[in-house]
Amino acid sequence: MSLPGDSGCTRRRRSIERRAVELGILEEVDLVSSAKVGRARECRLGPAQLEEEMDWIDEYRRIWQSRLDRFGGYVEARKTDRG
């Protein structure tokens, strides 16, 4: 479905422009690097490390794993009590 005065080509161009802006932001913070190779652009993970973010995720993963393990124990105990 096309909007009046808006072709599929225009929408694709806007989509590409939006991706270019997003790629630029990721490059600014060194999460990715890109290079033009022929008509394509190759992207690679950049030098920025996400160690702080991974530590934060791991901390919450441990917390939730512990909670879920306790909940699993509760469920199993309830099954035993009823059975």
Protein backbone atom coordinates (compact mmCIF):
# COMPACT_ATOMS: atom_id res chain seq x y z
CA MET A 1 0.00 0.00 0.00
CA SER A 2 1.50 3.31 -1.06
CA LEU A 3 0.78 6.70 0.32
CA PRO A 4 -0.07 9.44 -2.19
CA GLY A 5 3.18 10.83 -3.57
CA ASP A 6 5.25 8.23 -1.74
CA SER A 7 6.80 5.40 -3.70
CA GLY A 8 8.28 2.19 -2.35
CA CYS A 9 11.67 3.50 -3.42
CA THR A 10 11.27 6.57 -1.19
CA ARG A 11 10.32 4.39 1.78
CA ARG A 12 13.33 2.14 1.18
CA ARG A 13 15.61 5.18 0.97
CA ARG A 14 14.25 6.49 4.28
CA SER A 15 14.78 3.07 5.84
CA ILE A 16 18.38 3.01 4.62
CA GLU A 17 18.95 6.55 5.91
CA ARG A 18 17.54 5.57 9.30
CA ARG A 19 19.86 2.54 9.43
CA ALA A 20 22.81 4.75 8.48
CA VAL A 21 22.05 7.06 11.41
CA GLU A 22 21.76 4.08 13.77
CA LEU A 23 25.03 2.64 12.43
CA GLY A 24 26.70 6.01 12.91
CA ILE A 25 25.65 6.07 16.56
CA LEU A 26 26.99 2.56 17.13
CA GLU A 27 30.26 3.54 15.44
CA GLU A 28 30.60 6.65 17.64
CA VAL A 29 30.64 4.50 20.77
CA ASP A 30 32.91 1.87 19.15
CA LEU A 31 30.35 -0.93 19.33
CA VAL A 32 30.71 -1.54 15.59
CA SER A 33 33.03 -0.54 12.79
CA SER A 34 32.07 -0.52 9.15
CA ALA A 35 33.79 -0.23 5.81
CA LYS A 36 32.45 0.16 2.31
CA VAL A 37 33.37 -2.83 0.18
CA GLY A 38 32.20 -2.38 -3.39
CA ARG A 39 28.52 -1.50 -3.24
CA ALA A 40 28.03 -3.01 0.21
CA ARG A 41 28.99 -1.96 3.70
CA GLU A 42 30.59 -4.58 5.93
CA CYS A 43 30.11 -4.22 9.67
CA ARG A 44 32.13 -5.80 12.45
CA LEU A 45 31.93 -5.66 16.19
CA GLY A 46 33.99 -2.73 17.38
CA PRO A 47 36.61 -2.48 20.08
CA ALA A 48 34.24 -1.28 22.81
CA GLN A 49 33.77 -3.90 25.47
CA LEU A 50 30.49 -4.51 27.22
CA GLU A 51 32.08 -5.94 30.37
CA GLU A 52 30.19 -3.65 32.77
CA GLU A 53 26.91 -4.48 31.08
CA MET A 54 27.69 -8.21 31.12
CA ASP A 55 28.55 -8.01 34.83
CA TRP A 56 25.20 -6.30 35.51
CA ILE A 57 23.33 -8.91 33.45
CA ASP A 58 25.16 -11.77 35.20
CA GLU A 59 24.31 -10.34 38.63
CA TYR A 60 20.61 -10.23 37.81
CA ARG A 61 20.79 -13.63 36.12
CA ARG A 62 22.13 -15.11 39.40
CA ILE A 63 19.44 -13.35 41.43
CA TRP A 64 16.62 -14.58 39.20
CA GLN A 65 18.08 -18.07 38.92
CA SER A 66 18.13 -18.31 42.70
CA ARG A 67 14.54 -17.09 42.94
CA LEU A 68 13.36 -19.50 40.27
CA ASP A 69 15.17 -22.39 41.93
CA ARG A 70 13.42 -21.60 45.23
CA PHE A 71 10.08 -21.33 43.43
CA GLY A 72 10.72 -24.68 41.74
CA GLY A 73 11.39 -26.20 45.17
CA TYR A 74 8.14 -24.72 46.47
CA VAL A 75 6.18 -26.15 43.52
CA GLU A 76 7.73 -29.60 43.99
CA ALA A 77 6.95 -29.50 47.73
CA ARG A 78 3.33 -28.60 46.99
CA LYS A 79 3.08 -31.50 44.53
CA THR A 80 4.41 -33.88 47.20
CA ASP A 81 2.00 -32.51 49.82
CA ARG A 82 -0.99 -33.05 47.52
CA GLY A 83 0.08 -36.36 46.08
